[in-house]
C-alpha atoms as a PDB file:
ATOM      1  CA  MET A   1      15.012  -3.071  -0.668  1.00  0.00           C
ATOM      2  CA  PRO A   2      13.564  -1.744   2.052  1.00  0.00           C
ATOM      3  CA  SER A   3      11.273   1.593   2.156  1.00  0.00           C
ATOM      4  CA  THR A   4      12.229   4.400   4.804  1.00  0.00           C
ATOM      5  CA  SER A   5       8.786   4.885   4.680  1.00  0.00           C
ATOM      6  CA  ILE A   6       6.666   1.810   3.967  1.00  0.00           C
ATOM      7  CA  ARG A   7       6.911  -1.025   6.290  1.00  0.00           C
ATOM      8  CA  LYS A   8       4.721  -3.486   4.887  1.00  0.00           C
ATOM      9  CA  THR A   9       2.282  -4.761   1.998  1.00  0.00           C
ATOM     10  CA  GLU A  10      -0.553  -7.549   1.585  1.00  0.00           C
ATOM     11  CA  TYR A  11      -2.292  -7.732  -1.515  1.00  0.00           C
ATOM     12  CA  ASP A  12      -5.838  -8.831  -2.266  1.00  0.00           C
ATOM     13  CA  PRO A  13      -6.094 -10.673  -5.432  1.00  0.00           C
ATOM     14  CA  GLU A  14      -9.297 -11.440  -5.558  1.00  0.00           C
ATOM     15  CA  ARG A  15     -10.623  -8.111  -3.981  1.00  0.00           C
ATOM     16  CA  LYS A  16      -8.113  -6.154  -5.805  1.00  0.00           C
ATOM     17  CA  LEU A  17      -7.314  -5.035  -2.594  1.00  0.00           C
ATOM     18  CA  LEU A  18      -4.031  -3.991  -1.302  1.00  0.00           C
ATOM     19  CA  SER A  19      -3.396  -2.823   2.424  1.00  0.00           C
ATOM     20  CA  VAL A  20       0.263  -0.611   3.249  1.00  0.00           C
ATOM     21  CA  TRP A  21       1.284   0.172   6.428  1.00  0.00           C
ATOM     22  CA  PHE A  22       3.688   3.761   6.830  1.00  0.00           C
ATOM     23  CA  VAL A  23       6.584   3.664   8.827  1.00  0.00           C
ATOM     24  CA  ALA A  24       6.095   6.802  10.547  1.00  0.00           C
ATOM     25  CA  SER A  25       2.160   6.628  11.728  1.00  0.00           C
ATOM     26  CA  GLY A  26       2.119   3.115  12.084  1.00  0.00           C
ATOM     27  CA  LYS A  27      -1.313   3.644  10.893  1.00  0.00           C
ATOM     28  CA  ARG A  28      -2.755   0.941   7.859  1.00  0.00           C
ATOM     29  CA  TYR A  29      -4.800   2.360   4.759  1.00  0.00           C
ATOM     30  CA  GLN A  30      -6.755   0.080   2.411  1.00  0.00           C
ATOM     31  CA  PHE A  31      -6.681   1.010  -1.456  1.00  0.00           C
ATOM     32  CA  GLU A  32      -9.895  -0.466  -3.270  1.00  0.00           C
ATOM     33  CA  GLU A  33      -9.804  -1.609  -6.868  1.00  0.00           C
ATOM     34  CA  VAL A  34      -5.657  -1.031  -7.200  1.00  0.00           C
ATOM     35  CA  PRO A  35      -4.985  -3.706 -10.101  1.00  0.00           C
ATOM     36  CA  PRO A  36      -2.525  -6.538 -10.038  1.00  0.00           C
ATOM     37  CA  GLU A  37       0.262  -4.937 -12.111  1.00  0.00           C
ATOM     38  CA  THR A  38      -0.079  -2.129 -10.241  1.00  0.00           C
ATOM     39  CA  PHE A  39       0.714  -3.946  -6.838  1.00  0.00           C
ATOM     40  CA  ALA A  40       3.317  -6.147  -9.132  1.00  0.00           C
ATOM     41  CA  ALA A  41       5.109  -2.800  -9.929  1.00  0.00           C
ATOM     42  CA  PHE A  42       4.727  -1.258  -6.927  1.00  0.00           C
ATOM     43  CA  ARG A  43       6.538  -4.245  -5.092  1.00  0.00           C
ATOM     44  CA  VAL A  44       9.524  -4.477  -7.202  1.00  0.00           C
ATOM     45  CA  ALA A  45       9.955  -1.180  -7.069  1.00  0.00           C
ATOM     46  CA  PHE A  46      13.033   0.602  -6.429  1.00  0.00           C
ATOM     47  CA  ALA A  47      11.551   3.498  -4.161  1.00  0.00           C
ATOM     48  CA  LYS A  48       8.721   2.379  -3.312  1.00  0.00           C
ATOM     49  CA  GLY A  49       7.149   5.668  -1.554  1.00  0.00           C
ATOM     50  CA  ARG A  50       8.155   7.199  -4.585  1.00  0.00           C
ATOM     51  CA  TYR A  51       6.269   4.356  -6.856  1.00  0.00           C
ATOM     52  CA  PHE A  52       3.446   4.656  -4.008  1.00  0.00           C
ATOM     53  CA  ASN A  53       2.701   8.464  -4.204  1.00  0.00           C
ATOM     54  CA  GLU A  54       2.909   8.342  -8.274  1.00  0.00           C
ATOM     55  CA  HIS A  55       0.337   5.574  -9.152  1.00  0.00           C
ATOM     56  CA  ILE A  56      -1.572   4.939  -5.726  1.00  0.00           C
ATOM     57  CA  ARG A  57      -1.739   7.976  -3.666  1.00  0.00           C
ATOM     58  CA  ASN A  58      -4.642   9.844  -4.761  1.00  0.00           C
ATOM     59  CA  HIS A  59      -5.484   7.598  -7.638  1.00  0.00           C
ATOM     60  CA  PHE A  60      -7.606   4.922  -5.472  1.00  0.00           C
ATOM     61  CA  ARG A  61     -10.115   4.953  -3.005  1.00  0.00           C
ATOM     62  CA  TYR A  62      -9.027   4.322   0.280  1.00  0.00           C
ATOM     63  CA  ARG A  63      -9.545   4.160   4.037  1.00  0.00           C
ATOM     64  CA  LEU A  64      -7.640   4.114   7.937  1.00  0.00           C
ATOM     65  CA  VAL A  65      -7.877   0.544   8.760  1.00  0.00           C
ATOM     66  CA  GLU A  66      -8.589   0.740  12.834  1.00  0.00           C
ATOM     67  CA  ASP A  67      -6.078  -2.824  13.942  1.00  0.00           C
ATOM     68  CA  GLU A  68      -7.259  -4.593  16.767  1.00  0.00           C
ATOM     69  CA  PRO A  69      -5.378  -4.073  19.791  1.00  0.00           C
ATOM     70  CA  SER A  70      -2.704  -6.718  20.587  1.00  0.00           C
END
């Protein structure tokens, strides 16, 4: 199901790095040391925003990524 708060996600399993783009701000954040099981559950969650808030936000170190201008 599409999310109203999360526009896009990408996951690098080798680095355990989860990138999340948010709809409202358009900003991208990278979350470190996210286990593959957590990403797998996030990907199939019915309510992605709720899953993010309960299982990822405030559970992993993160940083704002400044994307290159197009």
